[in-house]
Amino acid sequence: MANHKSALKRIRSNEAKRVLNRYQAKSTRTAVKKLRATTDASEAQELLKKVSSMLDRLAKKNIIHKNKAANNKSSLAKYVNKLAA
């Protein structure tokens, strides 16, 4: 257990950040799954914009690695392009 007032505060703030990070990561994973399940090309185009933005935000905050975000965006873009063709 923490002995200092500042350490107690750090524990509280870390927990709050952890909950928010988990929420954002889970929301993004759900959006990715929704996009992969989509068969309508125009709807997929719109979802791709939102999902790409979400992935970029997670990478910017170091919740996920930037290369993972890039790989996900690339594979999703391929999927959407295949739908449009």
N, C-alpha and C. Protein backbone atom coordinates (compact mmCIF):
# COMPACT_ATOMS: atom_id res chain seq x y z
N MET A 1 0.85 -1.19 0.00
CA MET A 1 0.00 0.00 0.00
C MET A 1 0.88 1.24 0.00
N ALA A 2 0.40 2.28 -0.64
CA ALA A 2 1.15 3.52 -0.76
C ALA A 2 1.26 4.22 0.59
N ASN A 3 2.39 4.87 0.81
CA ASN A 3 2.63 5.56 2.07
C ASN A 3 2.51 7.08 1.96
N HIS A 4 2.55 7.60 0.74
CA HIS A 4 2.54 9.05 0.56
C HIS A 4 1.21 9.50 -0.04
N LYS A 5 0.86 10.71 0.28
CA LYS A 5 -0.38 11.29 -0.24
C LYS A 5 -0.36 11.33 -1.77
N SER A 6 0.79 11.71 -2.32
CA SER A 6 0.90 11.80 -3.78
C SER A 6 0.79 10.42 -4.44
N ALA A 7 1.31 9.39 -3.75
CA ALA A 7 1.21 8.04 -4.30
C ALA A 7 -0.24 7.56 -4.30
N LEU A 8 -1.00 7.92 -3.27
CA LEU A 8 -2.41 7.57 -3.23
C LEU A 8 -3.16 8.25 -4.38
N LYS A 9 -2.83 9.50 -4.62
CA LYS A 9 -3.47 10.23 -5.72
C LYS A 9 -3.10 9.60 -7.05
N ARG A 10 -1.84 9.19 -7.19
CA ARG A 10 -1.38 8.55 -8.43
C ARG A 10 -2.16 7.26 -8.68
N ILE A 11 -2.42 6.50 -7.63
CA ILE A 11 -3.19 5.26 -7.75
C ILE A 11 -4.60 5.56 -8.25
N ARG A 12 -5.21 6.59 -7.67
CA ARG A 12 -6.57 6.96 -8.10
C ARG A 12 -6.59 7.42 -9.54
N SER A 13 -5.64 8.28 -9.91
CA SER A 13 -5.64 8.81 -11.28
C SER A 13 -5.31 7.72 -12.30
N ASN A 14 -4.40 6.80 -11.94
CA ASN A 14 -4.07 5.70 -12.84
C ASN A 14 -5.29 4.82 -13.10
N GLU A 15 -6.06 4.56 -12.08
CA GLU A 15 -7.25 3.74 -12.24
C GLU A 15 -8.27 4.43 -13.15
N ALA A 16 -8.44 5.73 -12.98
CA ALA A 16 -9.38 6.48 -13.82
C ALA A 16 -8.93 6.44 -15.28
N LYS A 17 -7.63 6.62 -15.51
CA LYS A 17 -7.10 6.58 -16.87
C LYS A 17 -7.23 5.19 -17.48
N ARG A 18 -6.99 4.16 -16.65
CA ARG A 18 -7.09 2.78 -17.13
C ARG A 18 -8.51 2.47 -17.60
N VAL A 19 -9.50 2.91 -16.84
CA VAL A 19 -10.90 2.66 -17.20
C VAL A 19 -11.24 3.37 -18.52
N LEU A 20 -10.81 4.61 -18.66
CA LEU A 20 -11.08 5.36 -19.89
C LEU A 20 -10.39 4.72 -21.09
N ASN A 21 -9.13 4.32 -20.92
CA ASN A 21 -8.39 3.67 -22.00
C ASN A 21 -9.05 2.38 -22.43
N ARG A 22 -9.49 1.58 -21.47
CA ARG A 22 -10.16 0.32 -21.79
C ARG A 22 -11.46 0.57 -22.54
N TYR A 23 -12.20 1.60 -22.11
CA TYR A 23 -13.46 1.95 -22.78
C TYR A 23 -13.22 2.34 -24.23
N GLN A 24 -12.23 3.20 -24.45
CA GLN A 24 -11.94 3.66 -25.81
C GLN A 24 -11.44 2.51 -26.69
N ALA A 25 -10.58 1.66 -26.14
CA ALA A 25 -10.05 0.54 -26.92
C ALA A 25 -11.17 -0.44 -27.26
N LYS A 26 -12.04 -0.72 -26.31
CA LYS A 26 -13.14 -1.65 -26.55
C LYS A 26 -14.12 -1.08 -27.57
N SER A 27 -14.40 0.21 -27.48
CA SER A 27 -15.30 0.86 -28.45
C SER A 27 -14.73 0.76 -29.85
N THR A 28 -13.42 0.94 -29.97
CA THR A 28 -12.77 0.88 -31.27
C THR A 28 -12.82 -0.55 -31.82
N ARG A 29 -12.54 -1.53 -30.97
CA ARG A 29 -12.60 -2.93 -31.43
C ARG A 29 -14.01 -3.29 -31.91
N THR A 30 -15.02 -2.80 -31.20
CA THR A 30 -16.40 -3.06 -31.59
C THR A 30 -16.70 -2.40 -32.95
N ALA A 31 -16.20 -1.19 -33.15
CA ALA A 31 -16.42 -0.49 -34.41
C ALA A 31 -15.72 -1.22 -35.57
N VAL A 32 -14.53 -1.75 -35.31
CA VAL A 32 -13.81 -2.50 -36.33
C VAL A 32 -14.60 -3.75 -36.72
N LYS A 33 -15.13 -4.45 -35.72
CA LYS A 33 -15.92 -5.66 -36.00
C LYS A 33 -17.18 -5.30 -36.79
N LYS A 34 -17.79 -4.19 -36.44
CA LYS A 34 -19.00 -3.74 -37.15
C LYS A 34 -18.67 -3.43 -38.62
N LEU A 35 -17.51 -2.80 -38.84
CA LEU A 35 -17.09 -2.49 -40.21
C LEU A 35 -16.82 -3.76 -40.99
N ARG A 36 -16.15 -4.73 -40.38
CA ARG A 36 -15.85 -5.99 -41.07
C ARG A 36 -17.12 -6.77 -41.39
N ALA A 37 -18.17 -6.57 -40.60
CA ALA A 37 -19.43 -7.29 -40.83
C ALA A 37 -20.29 -6.60 -41.89
N THR A 38 -19.94 -5.38 -42.24
CA THR A 38 -20.73 -4.61 -43.20
C THR A 38 -20.51 -5.13 -44.62
N THR A 39 -21.61 -5.23 -45.38
CA THR A 39 -21.51 -5.64 -46.77
C THR A 39 -21.89 -4.51 -47.72
N ASP A 40 -22.46 -3.44 -47.20
CA ASP A 40 -22.86 -2.29 -48.02
C ASP A 40 -21.66 -1.36 -48.20
N ALA A 41 -21.29 -1.08 -49.45
CA ALA A 41 -20.07 -0.32 -49.75
C ALA A 41 -20.14 1.12 -49.23
N SER A 42 -21.28 1.80 -49.43
CA SER A 42 -21.36 3.20 -49.02
C SER A 42 -21.33 3.33 -47.49
N GLU A 43 -21.99 2.41 -46.81
CA GLU A 43 -21.98 2.43 -45.35
C GLU A 43 -20.56 2.12 -44.83
N ALA A 44 -19.88 1.22 -45.51
CA ALA A 44 -18.51 0.86 -45.12
C ALA A 44 -17.57 2.06 -45.29
N GLN A 45 -17.77 2.86 -46.33
CA GLN A 45 -16.95 4.05 -46.55
C GLN A 45 -17.08 5.01 -45.37
N GLU A 46 -18.31 5.22 -44.93
CA GLU A 46 -18.55 6.13 -43.80
C GLU A 46 -17.94 5.58 -42.52
N LEU A 47 -18.14 4.28 -42.29
CA LEU A 47 -17.59 3.67 -41.08
C LEU A 47 -16.07 3.71 -41.09
N LEU A 48 -15.46 3.55 -42.27
CA LEU A 48 -14.00 3.55 -42.36
C LEU A 48 -13.41 4.87 -41.87
N LYS A 49 -14.06 5.97 -42.21
CA LYS A 49 -13.58 7.28 -41.75
C LYS A 49 -13.59 7.35 -40.22
N LYS A 50 -14.69 6.92 -39.62
CA LYS A 50 -14.82 6.97 -38.16
C LYS A 50 -13.82 6.03 -37.48
N VAL A 51 -13.71 4.81 -38.00
CA VAL A 51 -12.82 3.82 -37.39
C VAL A 51 -11.36 4.25 -37.53
N SER A 52 -11.00 4.80 -38.68
CA SER A 52 -9.62 5.27 -38.87
C SER A 52 -9.29 6.37 -37.87
N SER A 53 -10.23 7.26 -37.66
CA SER A 53 -10.03 8.33 -36.69
C SER A 53 -9.86 7.77 -35.29
N MET A 54 -10.68 6.79 -34.94
CA MET A 54 -10.59 6.17 -33.62
C MET A 54 -9.23 5.49 -33.43
N LEU A 55 -8.78 4.77 -34.45
CA LEU A 55 -7.49 4.09 -34.37
C LEU A 55 -6.35 5.09 -34.23
N ASP A 56 -6.42 6.18 -34.99
CA ASP A 56 -5.39 7.22 -34.90
C ASP A 56 -5.34 7.81 -33.50
N ARG A 57 -6.51 8.03 -32.91
CA ARG A 57 -6.57 8.60 -31.57
C ARG A 57 -5.94 7.66 -30.54
N LEU A 58 -6.24 6.36 -30.67
CA LEU A 58 -5.66 5.39 -29.74
C LEU A 58 -4.15 5.33 -29.89
N ALA A 59 -3.67 5.41 -31.12
CA ALA A 59 -2.23 5.36 -31.35
C ALA A 59 -1.55 6.62 -30.81
N LYS A 60 -2.20 7.75 -30.99
CA LYS A 60 -1.64 9.01 -30.50
C LYS A 60 -1.47 9.00 -28.99
N LYS A 61 -2.43 8.37 -28.30
CA LYS A 61 -2.37 8.30 -26.83
C LYS A 61 -1.59 7.10 -26.33
N ASN A 62 -0.96 6.35 -27.24
CA ASN A 62 -0.18 5.15 -26.90
C ASN A 62 -1.02 4.07 -26.21
N ILE A 63 -2.29 4.01 -26.52
CA ILE A 63 -3.13 2.93 -26.00
C ILE A 63 -2.86 1.68 -26.84
N ILE A 64 -2.69 1.89 -28.16
CA ILE A 64 -2.22 0.82 -29.02
C ILE A 64 -0.99 1.34 -29.76
N HIS A 65 -0.18 0.43 -30.28
CA HIS A 65 1.04 0.83 -30.98
C HIS A 65 0.66 1.46 -32.32
N LYS A 66 1.46 2.41 -32.77
CA LYS A 66 1.15 3.11 -34.03
C LYS A 66 1.17 2.17 -35.22
N ASN A 67 2.04 1.15 -35.19
CA ASN A 67 2.08 0.20 -36.30
C ASN A 67 0.83 -0.68 -36.33
N LYS A 68 0.33 -1.02 -35.16
CA LYS A 68 -0.92 -1.80 -35.10
C LYS A 68 -2.06 -0.99 -35.69
N ALA A 69 -2.11 0.29 -35.37
CA ALA A 69 -3.15 1.16 -35.92
C ALA A 69 -3.02 1.23 -37.44
N ALA A 70 -1.79 1.37 -37.92
CA ALA A 70 -1.55 1.45 -39.36
C ALA A 70 -1.95 0.15 -40.06
N ASN A 71 -1.60 -0.99 -39.45
CA ASN A 71 -1.95 -2.29 -40.04
C ASN A 71 -3.47 -2.48 -40.08
N ASN A 72 -4.14 -2.11 -39.01
CA ASN A 72 -5.60 -2.22 -38.98
C ASN A 72 -6.24 -1.34 -40.04
N LYS A 73 -5.78 -0.09 -40.13
CA LYS A 73 -6.34 0.84 -41.11
C LYS A 73 -6.12 0.32 -42.53
N SER A 74 -4.94 -0.22 -42.78
CA SER A 74 -4.62 -0.73 -44.11
C SER A 74 -5.52 -1.90 -44.49
N SER A 75 -5.66 -2.86 -43.58
CA SER A 75 -6.48 -4.03 -43.90
C SER A 75 -7.95 -3.65 -44.05
N LEU A 76 -8.42 -2.68 -43.24
CA LEU A 76 -9.80 -2.23 -43.37
C LEU A 76 -10.03 -1.49 -44.69
N ALA A 77 -9.04 -0.70 -45.09
CA ALA A 77 -9.15 0.02 -46.36
C ALA A 77 -9.20 -0.98 -47.52
N LYS A 78 -8.39 -2.03 -47.45
CA LYS A 78 -8.43 -3.07 -48.48
C LYS A 78 -9.82 -3.70 -48.55
N TYR A 79 -10.37 -3.98 -47.38
CA TYR A 79 -11.69 -4.61 -47.31
C TYR A 79 -12.75 -3.71 -47.95
N VAL A 80 -12.71 -2.42 -47.60
CA VAL A 80 -13.71 -1.48 -48.13
C VAL A 80 -13.55 -1.32 -49.64
N ASN A 81 -12.30 -1.27 -50.11
CA ASN A 81 -12.06 -1.15 -51.55
C ASN A 81 -12.56 -2.38 -52.30
N LYS A 82 -12.42 -3.54 -51.68
CA LYS A 82 -12.90 -4.77 -52.29
C LYS A 82 -14.43 -4.76 -52.39
N LEU A 83 -15.07 -4.18 -51.38
CA LEU A 83 -16.53 -4.07 -51.42
C LEU A 83 -16.99 -3.16 -52.55
N ALA A 84 -16.26 -2.06 -52.74
CA ALA A 84 -16.64 -1.06 -53.74
C ALA A 84 -16.43 -1.59 -55.15
N ALA A 85 -15.47 -2.48 -55.32
CA ALA A 85 -15.16 -2.99 -56.67
C ALA A 85 -16.17 -3.98 -57.18
